[in-house]
Amino acid sequence: MPTYKFHNKDTGEVWEEFMGISAADDMLKDNPHIERLVNGAPGLVGGTGDRTKPDGGFKEVLSKISEANPTSALANTYGAKDSKSVAVRNLVQKHRPKV
């Protein structure tokens, strides 16, 4: 759920609320003297850890998918790296008709 920043036009008070999007929209609809302050995307509270690197099990799944689809972009990243597989992949990309 995001954290929103609100401003009360009558009192000048500024505060933050942790609520769902529909709840924030309902609050603004019921209270016309309150406005939402936006300085970028709402602050989302989410998971932790490195989101850019898949774990080992998922890498195995990606490599199996790339074996089944050797001409895909996924095969370039997670496909087999032996010289024969790379040569075949490069040859297919070279002679593949451009769409």
N, C-alpha and C. Protein backbone atom coordinates (compact mmCIF):
# COMPACT_ATOMS: atom_id res chain seq x y z
N MET A 1 0.84 -1.18 0.00
CA MET A 1 0.00 0.00 0.00
C MET A 1 0.88 1.24 0.00
N PRO A 2 0.45 2.26 -0.72
CA PRO A 2 1.24 3.49 -0.79
C PRO A 2 0.99 4.42 0.38
N THR A 3 1.93 5.30 0.58
CA THR A 3 1.81 6.37 1.57
C THR A 3 1.55 7.66 0.81
N TYR A 4 0.46 8.35 1.17
CA TYR A 4 0.08 9.60 0.51
C TYR A 4 0.30 10.78 1.43
N LYS A 5 0.57 11.93 0.82
CA LYS A 5 0.72 13.18 1.57
C LYS A 5 -0.49 14.05 1.24
N PHE A 6 -1.16 14.54 2.29
CA PHE A 6 -2.36 15.35 2.12
C PHE A 6 -2.15 16.74 2.70
N HIS A 7 -2.94 17.69 2.19
CA HIS A 7 -2.91 19.08 2.66
C HIS A 7 -4.35 19.53 2.90
N ASN A 8 -4.62 20.06 4.11
CA ASN A 8 -5.92 20.62 4.44
C ASN A 8 -5.89 22.09 4.05
N LYS A 9 -6.73 22.47 3.08
CA LYS A 9 -6.74 23.84 2.57
C LYS A 9 -7.22 24.84 3.63
N ASP A 10 -8.10 24.40 4.54
CA ASP A 10 -8.65 25.30 5.55
C ASP A 10 -7.64 25.62 6.65
N THR A 11 -6.96 24.59 7.16
CA THR A 11 -6.06 24.79 8.30
C THR A 11 -4.59 24.89 7.90
N GLY A 12 -4.24 24.47 6.68
CA GLY A 12 -2.86 24.48 6.25
C GLY A 12 -2.06 23.29 6.74
N GLU A 13 -2.72 22.36 7.41
CA GLU A 13 -2.05 21.17 7.95
C GLU A 13 -1.63 20.23 6.82
N VAL A 14 -0.43 19.65 6.94
CA VAL A 14 0.08 18.67 5.98
C VAL A 14 0.42 17.40 6.76
N TRP A 15 -0.02 16.25 6.26
CA TRP A 15 0.24 14.97 6.93
C TRP A 15 0.31 13.85 5.91
N GLU A 16 0.79 12.71 6.37
CA GLU A 16 0.91 11.52 5.53
C GLU A 16 -0.02 10.44 6.04
N GLU A 17 -0.60 9.69 5.11
CA GLU A 17 -1.48 8.57 5.44
C GLU A 17 -1.03 7.35 4.66
N PHE A 18 -1.10 6.21 5.32
CA PHE A 18 -0.78 4.92 4.71
C PHE A 18 -2.11 4.24 4.42
N MET A 19 -2.53 4.20 3.13
CA MET A 19 -3.83 3.64 2.78
C MET A 19 -3.84 3.19 1.33
N GLY A 20 -4.86 2.46 0.98
CA GLY A 20 -5.02 2.00 -0.39
C GLY A 20 -5.45 3.13 -1.31
N ILE A 21 -5.34 2.90 -2.60
CA ILE A 21 -5.66 3.92 -3.58
C ILE A 21 -7.14 4.28 -3.53
N SER A 22 -8.01 3.27 -3.46
CA SER A 22 -9.45 3.55 -3.44
C SER A 22 -9.84 4.28 -2.16
N ALA A 23 -9.21 3.96 -1.03
CA ALA A 23 -9.51 4.65 0.22
C ALA A 23 -9.09 6.11 0.14
N ALA A 24 -7.96 6.40 -0.48
CA ALA A 24 -7.51 7.78 -0.65
C ALA A 24 -8.47 8.55 -1.55
N ASP A 25 -8.92 7.91 -2.64
CA ASP A 25 -9.86 8.56 -3.54
C ASP A 25 -11.18 8.85 -2.83
N ASP A 26 -11.66 7.89 -2.01
CA ASP A 26 -12.90 8.10 -1.26
C ASP A 26 -12.76 9.24 -0.28
N MET A 27 -11.62 9.32 0.42
CA MET A 27 -11.41 10.38 1.38
C MET A 27 -11.40 11.75 0.70
N LEU A 28 -10.78 11.85 -0.46
CA LEU A 28 -10.75 13.11 -1.19
C LEU A 28 -12.13 13.50 -1.70
N LYS A 29 -12.92 12.50 -2.09
CA LYS A 29 -14.27 12.78 -2.59
C LYS A 29 -15.17 13.26 -1.45
N ASP A 30 -15.02 12.68 -0.25
CA ASP A 30 -15.85 13.05 0.91
C ASP A 30 -15.41 14.36 1.55
N ASN A 31 -14.16 14.76 1.37
CA ASN A 31 -13.60 15.97 1.99
C ASN A 31 -13.02 16.88 0.92
N PRO A 32 -13.83 17.77 0.33
CA PRO A 32 -13.33 18.61 -0.76
C PRO A 32 -12.28 19.64 -0.31
N HIS A 33 -12.16 19.88 1.00
CA HIS A 33 -11.17 20.84 1.49
C HIS A 33 -9.78 20.22 1.65
N ILE A 34 -9.66 18.93 1.34
CA ILE A 34 -8.37 18.23 1.43
C ILE A 34 -7.88 17.94 0.02
N GLU A 35 -6.59 18.18 -0.21
CA GLU A 35 -5.99 17.87 -1.50
C GLU A 35 -4.78 16.97 -1.31
N ARG A 36 -4.51 16.17 -2.32
CA ARG A 36 -3.36 15.26 -2.28
C ARG A 36 -2.15 15.99 -2.84
N LEU A 37 -1.06 15.96 -2.10
CA LEU A 37 0.20 16.55 -2.58
C LEU A 37 0.99 15.46 -3.30
N VAL A 38 1.45 15.78 -4.49
CA VAL A 38 2.19 14.81 -5.28
C VAL A 38 3.56 15.35 -5.57
N ASN A 39 4.61 14.70 -5.06
CA ASN A 39 5.97 15.04 -5.44
C ASN A 39 6.63 13.79 -5.98
N GLY A 40 6.03 13.20 -6.98
CA GLY A 40 6.56 11.99 -7.57
C GLY A 40 5.59 10.85 -7.35
N ALA A 41 6.06 9.67 -7.54
CA ALA A 41 5.23 8.49 -7.34
C ALA A 41 4.98 8.28 -5.86
N PRO A 42 3.84 7.71 -5.49
CA PRO A 42 3.59 7.44 -4.08
C PRO A 42 4.64 6.48 -3.52
N GLY A 43 5.00 6.65 -2.26
CA GLY A 43 5.98 5.77 -1.63
C GLY A 43 5.37 4.40 -1.38
N LEU A 44 5.85 3.40 -2.05
CA LEU A 44 5.32 2.06 -1.90
C LEU A 44 6.15 1.29 -0.89
N VAL A 45 5.47 0.55 -0.06
CA VAL A 45 6.14 -0.32 0.90
C VAL A 45 6.08 -1.71 0.31
N GLY A 46 7.23 -2.30 0.05
CA GLY A 46 7.23 -3.59 -0.62
C GLY A 46 8.28 -4.52 -0.05
N GLY A 47 8.57 -5.53 -0.82
CA GLY A 47 9.53 -6.53 -0.41
C GLY A 47 10.94 -6.00 -0.34
N THR A 48 11.80 -6.80 0.20
CA THR A 48 13.19 -6.40 0.33
C THR A 48 14.05 -7.31 -0.52
N GLY A 49 15.29 -6.96 -0.67
CA GLY A 49 16.22 -7.81 -1.40
C GLY A 49 16.53 -7.25 -2.77
N ASP A 50 17.32 -8.00 -3.50
CA ASP A 50 17.75 -7.58 -4.82
C ASP A 50 16.75 -8.07 -5.85
N ARG A 51 16.06 -7.17 -6.51
CA ARG A 51 15.04 -7.54 -7.48
C ARG A 51 15.61 -7.73 -8.87
N THR A 52 16.86 -7.42 -9.08
CA THR A 52 17.42 -7.48 -10.42
C THR A 52 18.01 -8.84 -10.76
N LYS A 53 18.30 -9.66 -9.76
CA LYS A 53 18.92 -10.95 -10.03
C LYS A 53 17.98 -12.07 -9.60
N PRO A 54 17.58 -12.94 -10.55
CA PRO A 54 16.74 -14.07 -10.16
C PRO A 54 17.56 -15.11 -9.39
N ASP A 55 16.89 -15.87 -8.54
CA ASP A 55 17.60 -16.90 -7.79
C ASP A 55 17.93 -18.08 -8.70
N GLY A 56 18.68 -19.04 -8.16
CA GLY A 56 19.18 -20.16 -8.96
C GLY A 56 18.09 -21.02 -9.58
N GLY A 57 17.01 -21.27 -8.83
CA GLY A 57 15.93 -22.10 -9.35
C GLY A 57 15.24 -21.45 -10.53
N PHE A 58 15.04 -20.14 -10.43
CA PHE A 58 14.38 -19.43 -11.52
C PHE A 58 15.29 -19.32 -12.73
N LYS A 59 16.61 -19.22 -12.50
CA LYS A 59 17.55 -19.20 -13.63
C LYS A 59 17.47 -20.51 -14.41
N GLU A 60 17.26 -21.62 -13.69
CA GLU A 60 17.13 -22.92 -14.35
C GLU A 60 15.88 -22.95 -15.22
N VAL A 61 14.79 -22.40 -14.73
CA VAL A 61 13.55 -22.33 -15.51
C VAL A 61 13.77 -21.46 -16.75
N LEU A 62 14.45 -20.33 -16.58
CA LEU A 62 14.72 -19.45 -17.72
C LEU A 62 15.61 -20.14 -18.76
N SER A 63 16.57 -20.94 -18.30
CA SER A 63 17.43 -21.63 -19.27
C SER A 63 16.66 -22.70 -20.03
N LYS A 64 15.70 -23.36 -19.38
CA LYS A 64 14.87 -24.35 -20.08
C LYS A 64 13.97 -23.68 -21.11
N ILE A 65 13.43 -22.52 -20.76
CA ILE A 65 12.61 -21.77 -21.71
C ILE A 65 13.46 -21.32 -22.89
N SER A 66 14.68 -20.87 -22.63
CA SER A 66 15.55 -20.41 -23.71
C SER A 66 15.98 -21.57 -24.61
N GLU A 67 16.11 -22.78 -24.08
CA GLU A 67 16.42 -23.94 -24.91
C GLU A 67 15.27 -24.26 -25.85
N ALA A 68 14.03 -24.08 -25.36
CA ALA A 68 12.86 -24.34 -26.20
C ALA A 68 12.65 -23.24 -27.23
N ASN A 69 13.18 -22.03 -26.97
CA ASN A 69 13.03 -20.89 -27.89
C ASN A 69 14.41 -20.29 -28.18
N PRO A 70 15.21 -20.97 -28.99
CA PRO A 70 16.60 -20.53 -29.18
C PRO A 70 16.76 -19.20 -29.91
N THR A 71 15.73 -18.71 -30.57
CA THR A 71 15.86 -17.44 -31.29
C THR A 71 15.32 -16.25 -30.49
N SER A 72 14.92 -16.49 -29.25
CA SER A 72 14.35 -15.40 -28.45
C SER A 72 15.44 -14.57 -27.79
N ALA A 73 15.04 -13.40 -27.30
CA ALA A 73 15.98 -12.54 -26.58
C ALA A 73 16.40 -13.20 -25.26
N LEU A 74 15.53 -14.00 -24.71
CA LEU A 74 15.84 -14.72 -23.47
C LEU A 74 16.99 -15.70 -23.69
N ALA A 75 17.05 -16.29 -24.88
CA ALA A 75 18.12 -17.24 -25.17
C ALA A 75 19.48 -16.55 -25.20
N ASN A 76 19.51 -15.27 -25.57
CA ASN A 76 20.79 -14.55 -25.58
C ASN A 76 21.34 -14.40 -24.18
N THR A 77 20.46 -14.25 -23.21
CA THR A 77 20.91 -14.03 -21.84
C THR A 77 21.08 -15.32 -21.06
N TYR A 78 20.10 -16.23 -21.16
CA TYR A 78 20.10 -17.42 -20.32
C TYR A 78 20.32 -18.72 -21.10
N GLY A 79 20.54 -18.63 -22.41
CA GLY A 79 20.73 -19.84 -23.20
C GLY A 79 22.10 -20.45 -22.99
N ALA A 80 22.29 -21.58 -23.65
CA ALA A 80 23.57 -22.28 -23.55
C ALA A 80 24.69 -21.39 -24.08
N LYS A 81 25.83 -21.46 -23.45
CA LYS A 81 26.96 -20.59 -23.81
C LYS A 81 28.08 -21.33 -24.54
N ASP A 82 27.85 -22.61 -24.88
CA ASP A 82 28.91 -23.32 -25.60
C ASP A 82 29.02 -22.76 -27.01
N SER A 83 30.15 -23.00 -27.66
CA SER A 83 30.45 -22.35 -28.93
C SER A 83 29.46 -22.74 -30.03
N LYS A 84 29.01 -23.98 -30.04
CA LYS A 84 28.07 -24.41 -31.07
C LYS A 84 26.74 -23.69 -30.92
N SER A 85 26.22 -23.60 -29.71
CA SER A 85 24.94 -22.92 -29.48
C SER A 85 25.02 -21.45 -29.83
N VAL A 86 26.11 -20.81 -29.48
CA VAL A 86 26.29 -19.39 -29.78
C VAL A 86 26.40 -19.18 -31.28
N ALA A 87 27.12 -20.07 -31.98
CA ALA A 87 27.27 -19.93 -33.43
C ALA A 87 25.93 -20.12 -34.13
N VAL A 88 25.15 -21.10 -33.71
CA VAL A 88 23.83 -21.33 -34.31
C VAL A 88 22.92 -20.13 -34.05
N ARG A 89 22.93 -19.61 -32.84
CA ARG A 89 22.09 -18.46 -32.49
C ARG A 89 22.47 -17.24 -33.34
N ASN A 90 23.77 -17.00 -33.49
CA ASN A 90 24.22 -15.86 -34.30
C ASN A 90 23.86 -16.03 -35.77
N LEU A 91 23.96 -17.25 -36.28
CA LEU A 91 23.62 -17.51 -37.68
C LEU A 91 22.13 -17.30 -37.92
N VAL A 92 21.30 -17.77 -37.01
CA VAL A 92 19.85 -17.60 -37.15
C VAL A 92 19.49 -16.12 -37.10
N GLN A 93 20.10 -15.37 -36.20
CA GLN A 93 19.80 -13.94 -36.12
C GLN A 93 20.26 -13.18 -37.36
N LYS A 94 21.35 -13.63 -37.94
CA LYS A 94 21.88 -12.96 -39.13
C LYS A 94 20.95 -13.16 -40.33
N HIS A 95 20.39 -14.35 -40.47
CA HIS A 95 19.60 -14.67 -41.65
C HIS A 95 18.09 -14.60 -41.39
N ARG A 96 17.70 -14.26 -40.21
CA ARG A 96 16.27 -14.14 -39.91
C ARG A 96 15.73 -12.90 -40.61
N PRO A 97 14.58 -13.05 -41.29
CA PRO A 97 14.00 -11.87 -41.96
C PRO A 97 13.54 -10.84 -40.94
N LYS A 98 13.82 -9.60 -41.21
CA LYS A 98 13.42 -8.52 -40.31
C LYS A 98 11.95 -8.23 -40.52
N VAL A 99 11.23 -8.16 -39.41
CA VAL A 99 9.77 -7.92 -39.48
C VAL A 99 9.47 -6.50 -39.12
